[in-house]
Amino acid sequence: MSGSDEVFTEESFYYVCKQVGLTADEMDDMNIGQCLDYIQEYIDNNSEDGKQKTIKASQNDFDAF
């Protein structure tokens, strides 16, 4: 994790929330910590850093099990 001297403003917070798909109503129902947790989960699940992504099992997968 790298640091930055850039200030995280209220406007940038709302921008990031909208970028990850949170609606205004959802943000109203969540506290800041929950929004940040959601953002982190979104980043973790949508990053292209080579992590194996979860895929939906096919019938062949069930049969092989």
PDB file of N, CA and C in Angstrom:
ATOM      1  N   MET A   1       0.856  -1.171   0.000  1.00  0.00           N
ATOM      2  CA  MET A   1       0.000   0.000   0.000  1.00  0.00           C
ATOM      3  C   MET A   1       0.903   1.236   0.000  1.00  0.00           C
ATOM      4  N   SER A   2       0.638   2.140  -0.914  1.00  0.00           N
ATOM      5  CA  SER A   2       1.466   3.330  -1.011  1.00  0.00           C
ATOM      6  C   SER A   2       0.696   4.536  -0.507  1.00  0.00           C
ATOM      7  N   GLY A   3       1.410   5.463   0.050  1.00  0.00           N
ATOM      8  CA  GLY A   3       0.792   6.660   0.576  1.00  0.00           C
ATOM      9  C   GLY A   3       0.740   7.752  -0.466  1.00  0.00           C
ATOM     10  N   SER A   4      -0.008   8.790  -0.180  1.00  0.00           N
ATOM     11  CA  SER A   4      -0.144   9.910  -1.089  1.00  0.00           C
ATOM     12  C   SER A   4      -0.350  11.167  -0.271  1.00  0.00           C
ATOM     13  N   ASP A   5       0.147  12.277  -0.795  1.00  0.00           N
ATOM     14  CA  ASP A   5      -0.057  13.563  -0.136  1.00  0.00           C
ATOM     15  C   ASP A   5      -1.376  14.202  -0.568  1.00  0.00           C
ATOM     16  N   GLU A   6      -2.090  13.536  -1.476  1.00  0.00           N
ATOM     17  CA  GLU A   6      -3.349  14.056  -1.977  1.00  0.00           C
ATOM     18  C   GLU A   6      -4.428  13.963  -0.897  1.00  0.00           C
ATOM     19  N   VAL A   7      -5.215  15.016  -0.771  1.00  0.00           N
ATOM     20  CA  VAL A   7      -6.279  15.076   0.230  1.00  0.00           C
ATOM     21  C   VAL A   7      -7.501  14.328  -0.290  1.00  0.00           C
ATOM     22  N   PHE A   8      -8.114  13.508   0.566  1.00  0.00           N
ATOM     23  CA  PHE A   8      -9.325  12.777   0.223  1.00  0.00           C
ATOM     24  C   PHE A   8     -10.497  13.612   0.702  1.00  0.00           C
ATOM     25  N   THR A   9     -11.106  14.358  -0.218  1.00  0.00           N
ATOM     26  CA  THR A   9     -12.184  15.274   0.119  1.00  0.00           C
ATOM     27  C   THR A   9     -13.537  14.572   0.112  1.00  0.00           C
ATOM     28  N   GLU A  10     -14.538  15.275   0.575  1.00  0.00           N
ATOM     29  CA  GLU A  10     -15.899  14.742   0.537  1.00  0.00           C
ATOM     30  C   GLU A  10     -16.325  14.469  -0.907  1.00  0.00           C
ATOM     31  N   GLU A  11     -15.944  15.373  -1.809  1.00  0.00           N
ATOM     32  CA  GLU A  11     -16.287  15.194  -3.217  1.00  0.00           C
ATOM     33  C   GLU A  11     -15.604  13.961  -3.805  1.00  0.00           C
ATOM     34  N   SER A  12     -14.340  13.738  -3.452  1.00  0.00           N
ATOM     35  CA  SER A  12     -13.645  12.565  -3.976  1.00  0.00           C
ATOM     36  C   SER A  12     -14.216  11.282  -3.371  1.00  0.00           C
ATOM     37  N   PHE A  13     -14.668  11.338  -2.120  1.00  0.00           N
ATOM     38  CA  PHE A  13     -15.309  10.190  -1.493  1.00  0.00           C
ATOM     39  C   PHE A  13     -16.577   9.818  -2.252  1.00  0.00           C
ATOM     40  N   TYR A  14     -17.429  10.818  -2.550  1.00  0.00           N
ATOM     41  CA  TYR A  14     -18.659  10.559  -3.305  1.00  0.00           C
ATOM     42  C   TYR A  14     -18.341  10.041  -4.704  1.00  0.00           C
ATOM     43  N   TYR A  15     -17.313  10.585  -5.319  1.00  0.00           N
ATOM     44  CA  TYR A  15     -16.926  10.145  -6.656  1.00  0.00           C
ATOM     45  C   TYR A  15     -16.542   8.665  -6.646  1.00  0.00           C
ATOM     46  N   VAL A  16     -15.731   8.248  -5.681  1.00  0.00           N
ATOM     47  CA  VAL A  16     -15.314   6.850  -5.602  1.00  0.00           C
ATOM     48  C   VAL A  16     -16.515   5.957  -5.321  1.00  0.00           C
ATOM     49  N   CYS A  17     -17.404   6.370  -4.441  1.00  0.00           N
ATOM     50  CA  CYS A  17     -18.615   5.590  -4.153  1.00  0.00           C
ATOM     51  C   CYS A  17     -19.429   5.385  -5.423  1.00  0.00           C
ATOM     52  N   LYS A  18     -19.593   6.425  -6.215  1.00  0.00           N
ATOM     53  CA  LYS A  18     -20.345   6.306  -7.458  1.00  0.00           C
ATOM     54  C   LYS A  18     -19.605   5.418  -8.458  1.00  0.00           C
ATOM     55  N   GLN A  19     -18.281   5.475  -8.491  1.00  0.00           N
ATOM     56  CA  GLN A  19     -17.488   4.659  -9.407  1.00  0.00           C
ATOM     57  C   GLN A  19     -17.672   3.171  -9.137  1.00  0.00           C
ATOM     58  N   VAL A  20     -17.869   2.796  -7.883  1.00  0.00           N
ATOM     59  CA  VAL A  20     -18.045   1.381  -7.548  1.00  0.00           C
ATOM     60  C   VAL A  20     -19.517   0.972  -7.559  1.00  0.00           C
ATOM     61  N   GLY A  21     -20.410   1.894  -7.913  1.00  0.00           N
ATOM     62  CA  GLY A  21     -21.806   1.551  -8.106  1.00  0.00           C
ATOM     63  C   GLY A  21     -22.736   1.799  -6.940  1.00  0.00           C
ATOM     64  N   LEU A  22     -22.283   2.465  -5.912  1.00  0.00           N
ATOM     65  CA  LEU A  22     -23.178   2.777  -4.798  1.00  0.00           C
ATOM     66  C   LEU A  22     -24.123   3.906  -5.192  1.00  0.00           C
ATOM     67  N   THR A  23     -25.385   3.753  -4.871  1.00  0.00           N
ATOM     68  CA  THR A  23     -26.367   4.808  -5.137  1.00  0.00           C
ATOM     69  C   THR A  23     -26.412   5.756  -3.940  1.00  0.00           C
ATOM     70  N   ALA A  24     -27.029   6.898  -4.152  1.00  0.00           N
ATOM     71  CA  ALA A  24     -27.168   7.872  -3.064  1.00  0.00           C
ATOM     72  C   ALA A  24     -27.976   7.281  -1.920  1.00  0.00           C
ATOM     73  N   ASP A  25     -29.028   6.525  -2.242  1.00  0.00           N
ATOM     74  CA  ASP A  25     -29.846   5.893  -1.199  1.00  0.00           C
ATOM     75  C   ASP A  25     -29.027   4.888  -0.393  1.00  0.00           C
ATOM     76  N   GLU A  26     -28.203   4.098  -1.085  1.00  0.00           N
ATOM     77  CA  GLU A  26     -27.359   3.129  -0.385  1.00  0.00           C
ATOM     78  C   GLU A  26     -26.355   3.835   0.517  1.00  0.00           C
ATOM     79  N   MET A  27     -25.777   4.931   0.020  1.00  0.00           N
ATOM     80  CA  MET A  27     -24.821   5.683   0.837  1.00  0.00           C
ATOM     81  C   MET A  27     -25.503   6.290   2.054  1.00  0.00           C
ATOM     82  N   ASP A  28     -26.772   6.704   1.917  1.00  0.00           N
ATOM     83  CA  ASP A  28     -27.518   7.253   3.051  1.00  0.00           C
ATOM     84  C   ASP A  28     -27.734   6.211   4.140  1.00  0.00           C
ATOM     85  N   ASP A  29     -27.880   4.944   3.726  1.00  0.00           N
ATOM     86  CA  ASP A  29     -28.120   3.864   4.681  1.00  0.00           C
ATOM     87  C   ASP A  29     -26.842   3.306   5.306  1.00  0.00           C
ATOM     88  N   MET A  30     -25.686   3.700   4.793  1.00  0.00           N
ATOM     89  CA  MET A  30     -24.403   3.171   5.272  1.00  0.00           C
ATOM     90  C   MET A  30     -23.617   4.273   5.966  1.00  0.00           C
ATOM     91  N   ASN A  31     -22.761   3.869   6.921  1.00  0.00           N
ATOM     92  CA  ASN A  31     -21.845   4.859   7.486  1.00  0.00           C
ATOM     93  C   ASN A  31     -20.572   4.876   6.637  1.00  0.00           C
ATOM     94  N   ILE A  32     -19.670   5.789   6.918  1.00  0.00           N
ATOM     95  CA  ILE A  32     -18.455   5.940   6.115  1.00  0.00           C
ATOM     96  C   ILE A  32     -17.635   4.658   6.108  1.00  0.00           C
ATOM     97  N   GLY A  33     -17.535   4.002   7.241  1.00  0.00           N
ATOM     98  CA  GLY A  33     -16.762   2.765   7.328  1.00  0.00           C
ATOM     99  C   GLY A  33     -17.330   1.673   6.449  1.00  0.00           C
ATOM    100  N   GLN A  34     -18.654   1.569   6.428  1.00  0.00           N
ATOM    101  CA  GLN A  34     -19.295   0.567   5.577  1.00  0.00           C
ATOM    102  C   GLN A  34     -19.070   0.884   4.105  1.00  0.00           C
ATOM    103  N   CYS A  35     -19.124   2.146   3.735  1.00  0.00           N
ATOM    104  CA  CYS A  35     -18.849   2.540   2.352  1.00  0.00           C
ATOM    105  C   CYS A  35     -17.409   2.189   1.978  1.00  0.00           C
ATOM    106  N   LEU A  36     -16.475   2.482   2.862  1.00  0.00           N
ATOM    107  CA  LEU A  36     -15.076   2.168   2.583  1.00  0.00           C
ATOM    108  C   LEU A  36     -14.852   0.666   2.496  1.00  0.00           C
ATOM    109  N   ASP A  37     -15.534  -0.109   3.345  1.00  0.00           N
ATOM    110  CA  ASP A  37     -15.451  -1.570   3.260  1.00  0.00           C
ATOM    111  C   ASP A  37     -15.984  -2.058   1.914  1.00  0.00           C
ATOM    112  N   TYR A  38     -17.097  -1.490   1.475  1.00  0.00           N
ATOM    113  CA  TYR A  38     -17.681  -1.861   0.190  1.00  0.00           C
ATOM    114  C   TYR A  38     -16.706  -1.548  -0.947  1.00  0.00           C
ATOM    115  N   ILE A  39     -16.099  -0.371  -0.896  1.00  0.00           N
ATOM    116  CA  ILE A  39     -15.130   0.025  -1.917  1.00  0.00           C
ATOM    117  C   ILE A  39     -13.960  -0.950  -1.947  1.00  0.00           C
ATOM    118  N   GLN A  40     -13.448  -1.323  -0.781  1.00  0.00           N
ATOM    119  CA  GLN A  40     -12.319  -2.253  -0.719  1.00  0.00           C
ATOM    120  C   GLN A  40     -12.700  -3.621  -1.282  1.00  0.00           C
ATOM    121  N   GLU A  41     -13.899  -4.106  -0.934  1.00  0.00           N
ATOM    122  CA  GLU A  41     -14.374  -5.384  -1.473  1.00  0.00           C
ATOM    123  C   GLU A  41     -14.497  -5.315  -2.991  1.00  0.00           C
ATOM    124  N   TYR A  42     -15.006  -4.193  -3.499  1.00  0.00           N
ATOM    125  CA  TYR A  42     -15.143  -4.008  -4.939  1.00  0.00           C
ATOM    126  C   TYR A  42     -13.775  -4.068  -5.603  1.00  0.00           C
ATOM    127  N   ILE A  43     -12.808  -3.373  -5.031  1.00  0.00           N
ATOM    128  CA  ILE A  43     -11.459  -3.369  -5.590  1.00  0.00           C
ATOM    129  C   ILE A  43     -10.852  -4.764  -5.546  1.00  0.00           C
ATOM    130  N   ASP A  44     -10.998  -5.445  -4.419  1.00  0.00           N
ATOM    131  CA  ASP A  44     -10.436  -6.797  -4.275  1.00  0.00           C
ATOM    132  C   ASP A  44     -11.042  -7.772  -5.276  1.00  0.00           C
ATOM    133  N   ASN A  45     -12.336  -7.658  -5.530  1.00  0.00           N
ATOM    134  CA  ASN A  45     -13.023  -8.594  -6.415  1.00  0.00           C
ATOM    135  C   ASN A  45     -12.912  -8.241  -7.888  1.00  0.00           C
ATOM    136  N   ASN A  46     -12.485  -7.040  -8.212  1.00  0.00           N
ATOM    137  CA  ASN A  46     -12.430  -6.606  -9.607  1.00  0.00           C
ATOM    138  C   ASN A  46     -11.033  -6.216 -10.062  1.00  0.00           C
ATOM    139  N   SER A  47     -10.019  -6.534  -9.275  1.00  0.00           N
ATOM    140  CA  SER A  47      -8.663  -6.169  -9.662  1.00  0.00           C
ATOM    141  C   SER A  47      -8.122  -7.161 -10.681  1.00  0.00           C
ATOM    142  N   GLU A  48      -7.215  -6.708 -11.496  1.00  0.00           N
ATOM    143  CA  GLU A  48      -6.607  -7.534 -12.539  1.00  0.00           C
ATOM    144  C   GLU A  48      -5.179  -7.906 -12.139  1.00  0.00           C
ATOM    145  N   ASP A  49      -4.942  -8.181 -10.867  1.00  0.00           N
ATOM    146  CA  ASP A  49      -3.584  -8.441 -10.389  1.00  0.00           C
ATOM    147  C   ASP A  49      -3.199  -9.914 -10.430  1.00  0.00           C
ATOM    148  N   GLY A  50      -3.950 -10.711 -11.151  1.00  0.00           N
ATOM    149  CA  GLY A  50      -3.590 -12.116 -11.301  1.00  0.00           C
ATOM    150  C   GLY A  50      -4.208 -13.043 -10.281  1.00  0.00           C
ATOM    151  N   LYS A  51      -4.995 -12.524  -9.363  1.00  0.00           N
ATOM    152  CA  LYS A  51      -5.673 -13.393  -8.405  1.00  0.00           C
ATOM    153  C   LYS A  51      -6.707 -14.234  -9.141  1.00  0.00           C
ATOM    154  N   GLN A  52      -6.909 -15.442  -8.662  1.00  0.00           N
ATOM    155  CA  GLN A  52      -7.926 -16.293  -9.258  1.00  0.00           C
ATOM    156  C   GLN A  52      -9.296 -15.761  -8.875  1.00  0.00           C
ATOM    157  N   LYS A  53     -10.144 -15.580  -9.859  1.00  0.00           N
ATOM    158  CA  LYS A  53     -11.490 -15.092  -9.599  1.00  0.00           C
ATOM    159  C   LYS A  53     -12.433 -16.268  -9.418  1.00  0.00           C
ATOM    160  N   THR A  54     -13.463 -16.046  -8.655  1.00  0.00           N
ATOM    161  CA  THR A  54     -14.480 -17.067  -8.440  1.00  0.00           C
ATOM    162  C   THR A  54     -15.326 -17.189  -9.694  1.00  0.00           C
ATOM    163  N   ILE A  55     -15.536 -18.425 -10.119  1.00  0.00           N
ATOM    164  CA  ILE A  55     -16.383 -18.654 -11.285  1.00  0.00           C
ATOM    165  C   ILE A  55     -17.554 -19.530 -10.888  1.00  0.00           C
ATOM    166  N   LYS A  56     -18.613 -19.452 -11.653  1.00  0.00           N
ATOM    167  CA  LYS A  56     -19.789 -20.263 -11.387  1.00  0.00           C
ATOM    168  C   LYS A  56     -19.513 -21.688 -11.856  1.00  0.00           C
ATOM    169  N   ALA A  57     -19.812 -22.653 -11.011  1.00  0.00           N
ATOM    170  CA  ALA A  57     -19.569 -24.057 -11.342  1.00  0.00           C
ATOM    171  C   ALA A  57     -20.561 -24.511 -12.400  1.00  0.00           C
ATOM    172  N   SER A  58     -20.059 -25.295 -13.352  1.00  0.00           N
ATOM    173  CA  SER A  58     -20.928 -25.859 -14.389  1.00  0.00           C
ATOM    174  C   SER A  58     -21.398 -27.249 -13.951  1.00  0.00           C
ATOM    175  N   GLN A  59     -22.281 -27.824 -14.732  1.00  0.00           N
ATOM    176  CA  GLN A  59     -22.755 -29.162 -14.428  1.00  0.00           C
ATOM    177  C   GLN A  59     -21.589 -30.156 -14.467  1.00  0.00           C
ATOM    178  N   ASN A  60     -20.656 -29.965 -15.387  1.00  0.00           N
ATOM    179  CA  ASN A  60     -19.469 -30.831 -15.471  1.00  0.00           C
ATOM    180  C   ASN A  60     -18.656 -30.782 -14.189  1.00  0.00           C
ATOM    181  N   ASP A  61     -18.549 -29.591 -13.585  1.00  0.00           N
ATOM    182  CA  ASP A  61     -17.817 -29.449 -12.324  1.00  0.00           C
ATOM    183  C   ASP A  61     -18.496 -30.259 -11.228  1.00  0.00           C
ATOM    184  N   PHE A  62     -19.832 -30.181 -11.162  1.00  0.00           N
ATOM    185  CA  PHE A  62     -20.570 -30.951 -10.156  1.00  0.00           C
ATOM    186  C   PHE A  62     -20.425 -32.458 -10.402  1.00  0.00           C
ATOM    187  N   ASP A  63     -20.504 -32.859 -11.673  1.00  0.00           N
ATOM    188  CA  ASP A  63     -20.366 -34.282 -12.000  1.00  0.00           C
ATOM    189  C   ASP A  63     -18.982 -34.804 -11.641  1.00  0.00           C
ATOM    190  N   ALA A  64     -17.949 -33.979 -11.832  1.00  0.00           N
ATOM    191  CA  ALA A  64     -16.583 -34.384 -11.523  1.00  0.00           C
ATOM    192  C   ALA A  64     -16.345 -34.476 -10.013  1.00  0.00           C
ATOM    193  N   PHE A  65     -17.127 -33.744  -9.266  1.00  0.00           N
ATOM    194  CA  PHE A  65     -16.957 -33.734  -7.820  1.00  0.00           C
ATOM    195  C   PHE A  65     -17.382 -35.071  -7.256  1.00  0.00           C
TER     196      PHE A  65
END
